[in-house]
Amino acid sequence: VDQLQGLPAGAFGRLQNLAGRRLLASGDLHFASDEHRSQDQNRKAVLERLRELLTESLRVPKRRRKTRPTRASKQRRLTEKKSRSSIKQHRQGRLED
């Protein structure tokens, strides 16, 4: 991975995260495949996986925007809480003598 050239810095970090266990301590990527019977098909499958990993690391994730609940949604939540509370209060069945 250290010898890759032409990869932006952000993509390089994402590649390291996406690689996970496949990234060895020496900085090499390790892929293995035994899906197919022939070595050639396995080699092609591994190259395809490497290509997918690289293209995924080049994709910049969308930024998360902070959102706040609206005033109306807060009000709905609180009124629902009050109604639940009153229902539970009435369940306690106070006996009068």
N, C-alpha and C. Protein backbone atom coordinates (compact mmCIF):
# COMPACT_ATOMS: atom_id res chain seq x y z
N VAL A 1 0.83 -1.18 0.00
CA VAL A 1 0.00 0.00 0.00
C VAL A 1 0.88 1.25 0.00
N ASP A 2 2.03 1.17 0.68
CA ASP A 2 2.90 2.34 0.78
C ASP A 2 3.47 2.74 -0.58
N GLN A 3 3.56 1.81 -1.50
CA GLN A 3 4.17 2.08 -2.80
C GLN A 3 3.17 2.56 -3.84
N LEU A 4 1.89 2.66 -3.47
CA LEU A 4 0.88 3.14 -4.41
C LEU A 4 1.13 4.62 -4.70
N GLN A 5 1.10 4.95 -5.97
CA GLN A 5 1.30 6.34 -6.35
C GLN A 5 0.06 6.83 -7.08
N GLY A 6 -0.18 8.13 -7.00
CA GLY A 6 -1.32 8.70 -7.68
C GLY A 6 -2.62 8.57 -6.91
N LEU A 7 -2.53 8.15 -5.66
CA LEU A 7 -3.72 8.01 -4.82
C LEU A 7 -3.79 9.21 -3.88
N PRO A 8 -4.88 9.97 -3.88
CA PRO A 8 -4.98 11.12 -2.96
C PRO A 8 -4.84 10.69 -1.51
N ALA A 9 -4.44 11.63 -0.67
CA ALA A 9 -4.19 11.32 0.74
C ALA A 9 -5.45 10.78 1.43
N GLY A 10 -6.60 11.39 1.16
CA GLY A 10 -7.84 10.92 1.78
C GLY A 10 -8.19 9.51 1.34
N ALA A 11 -7.97 9.24 0.05
CA ALA A 11 -8.27 7.91 -0.48
C ALA A 11 -7.32 6.88 0.12
N PHE A 12 -6.08 7.30 0.37
CA PHE A 12 -5.10 6.39 0.96
C PHE A 12 -5.54 5.96 2.36
N GLY A 13 -6.03 6.91 3.14
CA GLY A 13 -6.53 6.58 4.48
C GLY A 13 -7.76 5.70 4.43
N ARG A 14 -8.67 6.00 3.49
CA ARG A 14 -9.88 5.17 3.35
C ARG A 14 -9.51 3.76 2.92
N LEU A 15 -8.50 3.64 2.05
CA LEU A 15 -8.05 2.31 1.60
C LEU A 15 -7.54 1.50 2.77
N GLN A 16 -6.79 2.14 3.65
CA GLN A 16 -6.28 1.42 4.82
C GLN A 16 -7.42 0.97 5.72
N ASN A 17 -8.45 1.81 5.87
CA ASN A 17 -9.60 1.43 6.69
C ASN A 17 -10.40 0.31 6.04
N LEU A 18 -10.61 0.40 4.73
CA LEU A 18 -11.42 -0.60 4.03
C LEU A 18 -10.69 -1.94 3.94
N ALA A 19 -9.38 -1.90 3.88
CA ALA A 19 -8.61 -3.14 3.72
C ALA A 19 -8.76 -4.03 4.95
N GLY A 20 -8.80 -3.43 6.12
CA GLY A 20 -9.01 -4.21 7.34
C GLY A 20 -7.94 -5.25 7.55
N ARG A 21 -8.34 -6.51 7.70
CA ARG A 21 -7.41 -7.61 7.97
C ARG A 21 -6.52 -7.92 6.77
N ARG A 22 -6.93 -7.50 5.59
CA ARG A 22 -6.13 -7.80 4.40
C ARG A 22 -4.85 -6.98 4.35
N LEU A 23 -4.76 -5.92 5.14
CA LEU A 23 -3.55 -5.10 5.18
C LEU A 23 -2.61 -5.69 6.22
N LEU A 24 -1.46 -6.13 5.76
CA LEU A 24 -0.48 -6.76 6.65
C LEU A 24 0.36 -5.69 7.33
N ALA A 25 1.10 -6.10 8.37
CA ALA A 25 1.95 -5.17 9.11
C ALA A 25 3.04 -4.59 8.21
N SER A 26 3.44 -5.34 7.21
CA SER A 26 4.49 -4.86 6.29
C SER A 26 3.95 -3.83 5.31
N GLY A 27 2.63 -3.61 5.30
CA GLY A 27 2.04 -2.64 4.40
C GLY A 27 1.54 -3.26 3.10
N ASP A 28 1.63 -4.57 2.98
CA ASP A 28 1.16 -5.26 1.78
C ASP A 28 -0.32 -5.61 1.93
N LEU A 29 -1.00 -5.67 0.80
CA LEU A 29 -2.38 -6.15 0.79
C LEU A 29 -2.36 -7.62 0.44
N HIS A 30 -3.10 -8.41 1.19
CA HIS A 30 -3.12 -9.85 0.96
C HIS A 30 -4.53 -10.28 0.56
N PHE A 31 -4.66 -10.81 -0.64
CA PHE A 31 -5.92 -11.33 -1.13
C PHE A 31 -5.72 -12.80 -1.46
N ALA A 32 -6.71 -13.62 -1.15
CA ALA A 32 -6.66 -15.03 -1.50
C ALA A 32 -8.03 -15.43 -2.03
N SER A 33 -8.03 -16.38 -2.94
CA SER A 33 -9.29 -16.82 -3.51
C SER A 33 -9.20 -18.30 -3.87
N ASP A 34 -10.23 -19.04 -3.50
CA ASP A 34 -10.33 -20.44 -3.94
C ASP A 34 -11.76 -20.71 -4.42
N GLU A 35 -12.36 -19.68 -5.00
CA GLU A 35 -13.72 -19.81 -5.51
C GLU A 35 -13.79 -20.76 -6.70
N HIS A 36 -12.81 -20.66 -7.57
CA HIS A 36 -12.82 -21.41 -8.83
C HIS A 36 -11.80 -22.54 -8.79
N ARG A 37 -11.94 -23.43 -9.74
CA ARG A 37 -11.01 -24.56 -9.79
C ARG A 37 -9.68 -24.17 -10.42
N SER A 38 -9.70 -23.20 -11.31
CA SER A 38 -8.46 -22.86 -12.01
C SER A 38 -7.78 -21.67 -11.33
N GLN A 39 -6.46 -21.71 -11.35
CA GLN A 39 -5.67 -20.64 -10.74
C GLN A 39 -5.89 -19.32 -11.48
N ASP A 40 -6.05 -19.40 -12.79
CA ASP A 40 -6.24 -18.20 -13.59
C ASP A 40 -7.54 -17.48 -13.22
N GLN A 41 -8.61 -18.24 -13.06
CA GLN A 41 -9.89 -17.62 -12.67
C GLN A 41 -9.81 -17.03 -11.26
N ASN A 42 -9.11 -17.71 -10.35
CA ASN A 42 -8.92 -17.19 -9.00
C ASN A 42 -8.12 -15.89 -9.04
N ARG A 43 -7.11 -15.85 -9.87
CA ARG A 43 -6.29 -14.65 -10.00
C ARG A 43 -7.14 -13.48 -10.52
N LYS A 44 -8.01 -13.76 -11.49
CA LYS A 44 -8.89 -12.72 -12.02
C LYS A 44 -9.87 -12.24 -10.94
N ALA A 45 -10.37 -13.17 -10.14
CA ALA A 45 -11.30 -12.81 -9.08
C ALA A 45 -10.62 -11.90 -8.04
N VAL A 46 -9.37 -12.22 -7.72
CA VAL A 46 -8.63 -11.41 -6.76
C VAL A 46 -8.36 -10.03 -7.32
N LEU A 47 -8.00 -9.94 -8.58
CA LEU A 47 -7.77 -8.63 -9.20
C LEU A 47 -9.05 -7.81 -9.24
N GLU A 48 -10.17 -8.46 -9.47
CA GLU A 48 -11.45 -7.75 -9.47
C GLU A 48 -11.76 -7.20 -8.07
N ARG A 49 -11.49 -7.99 -7.04
CA ARG A 49 -11.71 -7.53 -5.66
C ARG A 49 -10.81 -6.35 -5.33
N LEU A 50 -9.56 -6.42 -5.79
CA LEU A 50 -8.63 -5.31 -5.56
C LEU A 50 -9.12 -4.05 -6.28
N ARG A 51 -9.61 -4.22 -7.50
CA ARG A 51 -10.13 -3.09 -8.26
C ARG A 51 -11.33 -2.46 -7.54
N GLU A 52 -12.22 -3.30 -7.00
CA GLU A 52 -13.39 -2.79 -6.27
C GLU A 52 -12.97 -2.04 -5.02
N LEU A 53 -11.96 -2.57 -4.32
CA LEU A 53 -11.47 -1.93 -3.10
C LEU A 53 -10.88 -0.55 -3.43
N LEU A 54 -10.12 -0.47 -4.51
CA LEU A 54 -9.52 0.80 -4.89
C LEU A 54 -10.58 1.82 -5.32
N THR A 55 -11.56 1.38 -6.10
CA THR A 55 -12.61 2.32 -6.52
C THR A 55 -13.44 2.79 -5.34
N GLU A 56 -13.68 1.91 -4.38
CA GLU A 56 -14.44 2.29 -3.18
C GLU A 56 -13.64 3.30 -2.35
N SER A 57 -12.32 3.13 -2.29
CA SER A 57 -11.51 4.07 -1.51
C SER A 57 -11.43 5.43 -2.18
N LEU A 58 -11.61 5.49 -3.49
CA LEU A 58 -11.58 6.77 -4.20
C LEU A 58 -12.86 7.56 -4.04
N ARG A 59 -13.95 6.88 -3.68
CA ARG A 59 -15.24 7.54 -3.52
C ARG A 59 -15.25 8.32 -2.20
N VAL A 60 -15.49 9.61 -2.29
CA VAL A 60 -15.51 10.46 -1.10
C VAL A 60 -16.88 10.34 -0.43
N PRO A 61 -16.94 9.96 0.85
CA PRO A 61 -18.24 9.82 1.51
C PRO A 61 -18.90 11.18 1.71
N LYS A 62 -20.24 11.16 1.72
CA LYS A 62 -20.98 12.40 1.94
C LYS A 62 -20.80 12.86 3.38
N ARG A 63 -20.72 14.18 3.54
CA ARG A 63 -20.61 14.74 4.87
C ARG A 63 -21.95 14.62 5.58
N ARG A 64 -21.91 14.32 6.86
CA ARG A 64 -23.14 14.23 7.64
C ARG A 64 -23.50 15.61 8.15
N ARG A 65 -24.72 16.02 7.91
CA ARG A 65 -25.20 17.29 8.41
C ARG A 65 -25.89 17.09 9.75
N LYS A 66 -25.57 17.95 10.68
CA LYS A 66 -26.26 17.87 11.97
C LYS A 66 -27.70 18.33 11.76
N THR A 67 -28.63 17.62 12.35
CA THR A 67 -30.03 18.02 12.27
C THR A 67 -30.60 18.15 13.67
N ARG A 68 -31.56 19.02 13.80
CA ARG A 68 -32.23 19.20 15.09
C ARG A 68 -33.70 18.90 14.91
N PRO A 69 -34.34 18.34 15.93
CA PRO A 69 -35.77 18.10 15.82
C PRO A 69 -36.52 19.42 15.77
N THR A 70 -37.59 19.45 15.01
CA THR A 70 -38.38 20.68 14.89
C THR A 70 -39.15 20.93 16.18
N ARG A 71 -39.62 22.15 16.33
CA ARG A 71 -40.39 22.50 17.52
C ARG A 71 -41.66 21.66 17.59
N ALA A 72 -42.30 21.45 16.44
CA ALA A 72 -43.54 20.67 16.42
C ALA A 72 -43.28 19.22 16.82
N SER A 73 -42.16 18.65 16.38
CA SER A 73 -41.89 17.25 16.74
C SER A 73 -41.58 17.13 18.23
N LYS A 74 -40.91 18.13 18.79
CA LYS A 74 -40.67 18.12 20.25
C LYS A 74 -42.00 18.18 21.00
N GLN A 75 -42.89 19.06 20.51
CA GLN A 75 -44.20 19.22 21.16
C GLN A 75 -45.00 17.92 21.09
N ARG A 76 -44.99 17.27 19.92
CA ARG A 76 -45.71 15.99 19.78
C ARG A 76 -45.15 14.95 20.73
N ARG A 77 -43.84 14.90 20.87
CA ARG A 77 -43.21 13.93 21.77
C ARG A 77 -43.62 14.19 23.21
N LEU A 78 -43.62 15.45 23.61
CA LEU A 78 -43.96 15.76 25.00
C LEU A 78 -45.43 15.49 25.30
N THR A 79 -46.32 15.82 24.36
CA THR A 79 -47.74 15.54 24.61
C THR A 79 -47.99 14.04 24.67
N GLU A 80 -47.31 13.28 23.85
CA GLU A 80 -47.44 11.82 23.89
C GLU A 80 -46.93 11.28 25.24
N LYS A 81 -45.83 11.86 25.72
CA LYS A 81 -45.30 11.45 27.01
C LYS A 81 -46.30 11.74 28.13
N LYS A 82 -46.93 12.90 28.07
CA LYS A 82 -47.91 13.26 29.10
C LYS A 82 -49.12 12.34 29.07
N SER A 83 -49.57 12.00 27.86
CA SER A 83 -50.73 11.11 27.78
C SER A 83 -50.37 9.71 28.28
N ARG A 84 -49.18 9.24 27.95
CA ARG A 84 -48.74 7.94 28.47
C ARG A 84 -48.67 7.96 29.98
N SER A 85 -48.14 9.03 30.51
CA SER A 85 -48.00 9.17 31.95
C SER A 85 -49.36 9.13 32.64
N SER A 86 -50.33 9.87 32.06
CA SER A 86 -51.66 9.89 32.69
C SER A 86 -52.32 8.52 32.61
N ILE A 87 -52.12 7.80 31.51
CA ILE A 87 -52.68 6.44 31.39
C ILE A 87 -52.11 5.54 32.48
N LYS A 88 -50.80 5.65 32.69
CA LYS A 88 -50.17 4.81 33.71
C LYS A 88 -50.58 5.22 35.12
N GLN A 89 -50.79 6.52 35.33
CA GLN A 89 -51.26 6.98 36.63
C GLN A 89 -52.64 6.43 36.95
N HIS A 90 -53.51 6.37 35.95
CA HIS A 90 -54.87 5.85 36.16
C HIS A 90 -54.87 4.35 36.39
N ARG A 91 -53.82 3.69 35.92
CA ARG A 91 -53.76 2.23 36.13
C ARG A 91 -53.47 1.87 37.58
N GLN A 92 -52.94 2.78 38.36
CA GLN A 92 -52.50 2.43 39.71
C GLN A 92 -53.68 2.19 40.65
N GLY A 93 -54.86 2.45 40.22
CA GLY A 93 -56.09 2.07 40.91
C GLY A 93 -56.10 2.34 42.40
N ARG A 94 -56.25 3.57 42.77
CA ARG A 94 -56.31 3.91 44.21
C ARG A 94 -57.69 3.50 44.75
N LEU A 95 -57.70 2.70 45.80
CA LEU A 95 -58.96 2.25 46.41
C LEU A 95 -59.40 3.27 47.45
N GLU A 96 -60.68 3.68 47.38
CA GLU A 96 -61.20 4.64 48.35
C GLU A 96 -62.10 3.90 49.34
N ASP A 97 -62.04 4.29 50.59
CA ASP A 97 -62.85 3.66 51.63
C ASP A 97 -64.16 4.32 51.83
